[in-house]
């Protein structure tokens, strides 16, 4: 490959990287755009040291909920503690009650359904197995600020 060909290839690669970055930016939702109840749920999960905390904006691809919050816990006790904190603080601070809570007793995957948003709290192995983030990869990602 000649030097000119290498430069052309490099330029094309950089253009593709720039385009990928623009697509990624277009596929994100700002934390500030979220409703207060969704923000509070994310903060509560973070306060209880949930790991790999992500939020997905489903508004453009689903009609049953606007957002998914996906959080991980190291064990069933932590998974239950995360879901308890979210449930209690939403009731206490915003007077919002979950419409349905599933999986609490087993503690591997707890689903908190608040209508407009759904919180999934997984034990580590269950999260890897179900991989909801991959299944919902077409959803916009919510940018969660550091140290929240």
C-alpha atoms as a PDB file:
ATOM      1  CA  UNK A   1       0.000   0.000   0.000  1.00  0.00           C
ATOM      2  CA  UNK A   2       1.419   3.376  -0.993  1.00  0.00           C
ATOM      3  CA  UNK A   3       1.598   6.356   1.339  1.00  0.00           C
ATOM      4  CA  UNK A   4      -1.210   8.072  -0.565  1.00  0.00           C
ATOM      5  CA  UNK A   5      -3.457   5.019  -0.187  1.00  0.00           C
ATOM      6  CA  UNK A   6      -2.644   4.871   3.527  1.00  0.00           C
ATOM      7  CA  UNK A   7      -3.622   8.548   3.938  1.00  0.00           C
ATOM      8  CA  UNK A   8      -6.892   8.048   2.044  1.00  0.00           C
ATOM      9  CA  UNK A   9      -7.707   5.003   4.180  1.00  0.00           C
ATOM     10  CA  UNK A  10      -6.856   6.909   7.357  1.00  0.00           C
ATOM     11  CA  UNK A  11      -9.059   9.862   6.308  1.00  0.00           C
ATOM     12  CA  UNK A  12     -11.995   7.552   5.580  1.00  0.00           C
ATOM     13  CA  UNK A  13     -11.524   5.857   8.939  1.00  0.00           C
ATOM     14  CA  UNK A  14     -11.535   9.189  10.765  1.00  0.00           C
ATOM     15  CA  UNK A  15     -14.644  10.307   8.883  1.00  0.00           C
ATOM     16  CA  UNK A  16     -16.422   7.086   9.890  1.00  0.00           C
ATOM     17  CA  UNK A  17     -15.354   7.564  13.536  1.00  0.00           C
ATOM     18  CA  UNK A  18     -16.703  11.126  13.474  1.00  0.00           C
ATOM     19  CA  UNK A  19     -19.978   9.906  11.956  1.00  0.00           C
ATOM     20  CA  UNK A  20     -20.233   7.178  14.594  1.00  0.00           C
ATOM     21  CA  UNK A  21     -19.740   9.794  17.324  1.00  0.00           C
ATOM     22  CA  UNK A  22     -22.528  11.947  15.839  1.00  0.00           C
ATOM     23  CA  UNK A  23     -24.875   8.963  15.666  1.00  0.00           C
ATOM     24  CA  UNK A  24     -24.042   8.110  19.287  1.00  0.00           C
ATOM     25  CA  UNK A  25     -24.729  11.689  20.394  1.00  0.00           C
ATOM     26  CA  UNK A  26     -28.064  11.658  18.564  1.00  0.00           C
ATOM     27  CA  UNK A  27     -28.992   8.441  20.326  1.00  0.00           C
ATOM     28  CA  UNK A  28     -28.706   9.776  23.866  1.00  0.00           C
ATOM     29  CA  UNK A  29     -31.128  11.513  26.188  1.00  0.00           C
ATOM     30  CA  UNK A  30     -29.962  14.039  28.749  1.00  0.00           C
ATOM     31  CA  UNK A  31     -30.518  13.247  32.424  1.00  0.00           C
ATOM     32  CA  UNK A  32     -32.063  16.712  32.793  1.00  0.00           C
ATOM     33  CA  UNK A  33     -34.862  15.741  30.371  1.00  0.00           C
ATOM     34  CA  UNK A  34     -36.114  12.985  32.696  1.00  0.00           C
ATOM     35  CA  UNK A  35     -39.168  13.273  34.918  1.00  0.00           C
ATOM     36  CA  UNK A  36     -38.455  13.773  38.624  1.00  0.00           C
ATOM     37  CA  UNK A  37     -39.594  10.261  39.552  1.00  0.00           C
ATOM     38  CA  UNK A  38     -37.207   8.671  37.043  1.00  0.00           C
ATOM     39  CA  UNK A  39     -34.318  10.831  38.277  1.00  0.00           C
ATOM     40  CA  UNK A  40     -35.087   9.917  41.880  1.00  0.00           C
ATOM     41  CA  UNK A  41     -35.165   6.192  41.077  1.00  0.00           C
ATOM     42  CA  UNK A  42     -31.738   6.454  39.426  1.00  0.00           C
ATOM     43  CA  UNK A  43     -30.347   8.421  42.388  1.00  0.00           C
ATOM     44  CA  UNK A  44     -31.715   5.859  44.864  1.00  0.00           C
ATOM     45  CA  UNK A  45     -30.130   2.977  42.955  1.00  0.00           C
ATOM     46  CA  UNK A  46     -26.845   4.843  42.894  1.00  0.00           C
ATOM     47  CA  UNK A  47     -27.070   5.584  46.631  1.00  0.00           C
ATOM     48  CA  UNK A  48     -27.356   1.842  47.290  1.00  0.00           C
ATOM     49  CA  UNK A  49     -24.218   1.222  45.198  1.00  0.00           C
ATOM     50  CA  UNK A  50     -25.951  -0.369  42.211  1.00  0.00           C
ATOM     51  CA  UNK A  51     -23.400  -1.241  39.573  1.00  0.00           C
ATOM     52  CA  UNK A  52     -23.625  -0.828  35.788  1.00  0.00           C
ATOM     53  CA  UNK A  53     -26.534   1.546  36.240  1.00  0.00           C
ATOM     54  CA  UNK A  54     -28.098   2.443  32.909  1.00  0.00           C
ATOM     55  CA  UNK A  55     -31.307   4.072  31.760  1.00  0.00           C
ATOM     56  CA  UNK A  56     -32.881   3.566  28.363  1.00  0.00           C
ATOM     57  CA  UNK A  57     -35.259   5.972  26.648  1.00  0.00           C
ATOM     58  CA  UNK A  58     -37.958   3.804  25.055  1.00  0.00           C
ATOM     59  CA  UNK A  59     -40.310   6.592  23.961  1.00  0.00           C
ATOM     60  CA  UNK A  60     -39.553   6.185  20.255  1.00  0.00           C
ATOM     61  CA  UNK A  61     -39.660   2.378  20.162  1.00  0.00           C
ATOM     62  CA  UNK A  62     -42.214   1.188  22.737  1.00  0.00           C
ATOM     63  CA  UNK A  63     -45.660   2.217  23.908  1.00  0.00           C
ATOM     64  CA  UNK A  64     -45.856   0.401  27.260  1.00  0.00           C
ATOM     65  CA  UNK A  65     -43.207   2.502  29.060  1.00  0.00           C
ATOM     66  CA  UNK A  66     -41.091   5.589  28.471  1.00  0.00           C
ATOM     67  CA  UNK A  67     -37.951   4.428  30.286  1.00  0.00           C
ATOM     68  CA  UNK A  68     -36.166   1.364  31.590  1.00  0.00           C
ATOM     69  CA  UNK A  69     -33.745   1.687  34.465  1.00  0.00           C
ATOM     70  CA  UNK A  70     -31.415  -1.291  34.719  1.00  0.00           C
ATOM     71  CA  UNK A  71     -29.281  -1.750  37.824  1.00  0.00           C
ATOM     72  CA  UNK A  72     -27.133  -4.530  39.194  1.00  0.00           C
ATOM     73  CA  UNK A  73     -26.467  -5.820  42.674  1.00  0.00           C
ATOM     74  CA  UNK A  74     -23.747  -8.178  43.854  1.00  0.00           C
ATOM     75  CA  UNK A  75     -26.175 -10.506  45.660  1.00  0.00           C
ATOM     76  CA  UNK A  76     -29.865 -10.915  46.493  1.00  0.00           C
ATOM     77  CA  UNK A  77     -29.594  -8.768  49.630  1.00  0.00           C
ATOM     78  CA  UNK A  78     -28.199  -5.840  47.680  1.00  0.00           C
ATOM     79  CA  UNK A  79     -30.773  -6.316  44.901  1.00  0.00           C
ATOM     80  CA  UNK A  80     -33.555  -6.181  47.494  1.00  0.00           C
ATOM     81  CA  UNK A  81     -31.969  -3.180  49.230  1.00  0.00           C
ATOM     82  CA  UNK A  82     -31.795  -1.265  45.936  1.00  0.00           C
ATOM     83  CA  UNK A  83     -35.429  -1.994  45.112  1.00  0.00           C
ATOM     84  CA  UNK A  84     -36.515  -1.150  48.691  1.00  0.00           C
ATOM     85  CA  UNK A  85     -34.766   2.218  48.541  1.00  0.00           C
ATOM     86  CA  UNK A  86     -36.335   3.119  45.202  1.00  0.00           C
ATOM     87  CA  UNK A  87     -39.784   2.030  46.345  1.00  0.00           C
ATOM     88  CA  UNK A  88     -39.594   3.807  49.721  1.00  0.00           C
ATOM     89  CA  UNK A  89     -38.148   7.087  48.456  1.00  0.00           C
ATOM     90  CA  UNK A  90     -40.595   7.405  45.574  1.00  0.00           C
ATOM     91  CA  UNK A  91     -43.471   6.889  48.036  1.00  0.00           C
ATOM     92  CA  UNK A  92     -41.990   9.227  50.646  1.00  0.00           C
ATOM     93  CA  UNK A  93     -40.732  12.078  48.465  1.00  0.00           C
ATOM     94  CA  UNK A  94     -43.095  12.066  45.479  1.00  0.00           C
ATOM     95  CA  UNK A  95     -46.082  10.030  46.708  1.00  0.00           C
ATOM     96  CA  UNK A  96     -45.566   7.623  43.788  1.00  0.00           C
ATOM     97  CA  UNK A  97     -46.385   3.949  44.310  1.00  0.00           C
ATOM     98  CA  UNK A  98     -45.346   1.043  42.123  1.00  0.00           C
ATOM     99  CA  UNK A  99     -48.190  -0.443  40.126  1.00  0.00           C
ATOM    100  CA  UNK A 100     -46.595  -3.871  40.419  1.00  0.00           C
ATOM    101  CA  UNK A 101     -43.502  -5.439  41.994  1.00  0.00           C
ATOM    102  CA  UNK A 102     -42.312  -8.805  40.702  1.00  0.00           C
ATOM    103  CA  UNK A 103     -39.516 -11.119  41.793  1.00  0.00           C
ATOM    104  CA  UNK A 104     -38.823  -9.621  45.210  1.00  0.00           C
ATOM    105  CA  UNK A 105     -38.810 -12.914  47.152  1.00  0.00           C
ATOM    106  CA  UNK A 106     -36.262 -14.589  44.877  1.00  0.00           C
ATOM    107  CA  UNK A 107     -34.185 -11.424  44.594  1.00  0.00           C
ATOM    108  CA  UNK A 108     -32.458 -12.367  41.345  1.00  0.00           C
ATOM    109  CA  UNK A 109     -34.463  -9.990  39.150  1.00  0.00           C
ATOM    110  CA  UNK A 110     -36.808  -7.504  40.754  1.00  0.00           C
ATOM    111  CA  UNK A 111     -39.109  -5.546  38.478  1.00  0.00           C
ATOM    112  CA  UNK A 112     -40.694  -2.336  39.775  1.00  0.00           C
ATOM    113  CA  UNK A 113     -43.401  -1.114  37.394  1.00  0.00           C
ATOM    114  CA  UNK A 114     -44.295   2.561  37.775  1.00  0.00           C
ATOM    115  CA  UNK A 115     -46.298   2.797  34.560  1.00  0.00           C
ATOM    116  CA  UNK A 116     -44.229   5.398  32.702  1.00  0.00           C
ATOM    117  CA  UNK A 117     -40.998   3.706  33.683  1.00  0.00           C
ATOM    118  CA  UNK A 118     -39.868   0.271  34.780  1.00  0.00           C
ATOM    119  CA  UNK A 119     -36.948  -0.477  37.065  1.00  0.00           C
ATOM    120  CA  UNK A 120     -35.107  -3.776  36.650  1.00  0.00           C
ATOM    121  CA  UNK A 121     -32.725  -4.679  39.467  1.00  0.00           C
ATOM    122  CA  UNK A 122     -30.656  -7.753  38.710  1.00  0.00           C
ATOM    123  CA  UNK A 123     -28.323  -9.998  40.604  1.00  0.00           C
ATOM    124  CA  UNK A 124     -25.102 -10.193  38.591  1.00  0.00           C
ATOM    125  CA  UNK A 125     -25.599 -13.609  36.959  1.00  0.00           C
ATOM    126  CA  UNK A 126     -29.236 -12.960  36.076  1.00  0.00           C
ATOM    127  CA  UNK A 127     -28.297  -9.655  34.456  1.00  0.00           C
ATOM    128  CA  UNK A 128     -25.702 -11.345  32.286  1.00  0.00           C
ATOM    129  CA  UNK A 129     -28.170 -14.079  31.333  1.00  0.00           C
ATOM    130  CA  UNK A 130     -31.115 -11.836  30.367  1.00  0.00           C
ATOM    131  CA  UNK A 131     -29.006  -8.954  29.002  1.00  0.00           C
ATOM    132  CA  UNK A 132     -31.864  -6.463  28.632  1.00  0.00           C
ATOM    133  CA  UNK A 133     -29.512  -3.729  27.431  1.00  0.00           C
ATOM    134  CA  UNK A 134     -28.689  -5.871  24.398  1.00  0.00           C
ATOM    135  CA  UNK A 135     -32.335  -6.736  23.762  1.00  0.00           C
ATOM    136  CA  UNK A 136     -33.255  -3.042  23.866  1.00  0.00           C
ATOM    137  CA  UNK A 137     -30.143  -1.804  22.040  1.00  0.00           C
ATOM    138  CA  UNK A 138     -32.280   0.304  19.681  1.00  0.00           C
ATOM    139  CA  UNK A 139     -33.337   2.524  22.578  1.00  0.00           C
ATOM    140  CA  UNK A 140     -31.612   5.820  23.267  1.00  0.00           C
ATOM    141  CA  UNK A 141     -29.291   5.726  26.258  1.00  0.00           C
ATOM    142  CA  UNK A 142     -29.751   8.269  29.033  1.00  0.00           C
ATOM    143  CA  UNK A 143     -26.542  10.020  30.020  1.00  0.00           C
ATOM    144  CA  UNK A 144     -26.273   9.570  33.774  1.00  0.00           C
ATOM    145  CA  UNK A 145     -23.960  12.144  35.373  1.00  0.00           C
ATOM    146  CA  UNK A 146     -20.898  10.930  37.266  1.00  0.00           C
ATOM    147  CA  UNK A 147     -21.261  10.849  41.038  1.00  0.00           C
ATOM    148  CA  UNK A 148     -25.027  10.840  41.044  1.00  0.00           C
END
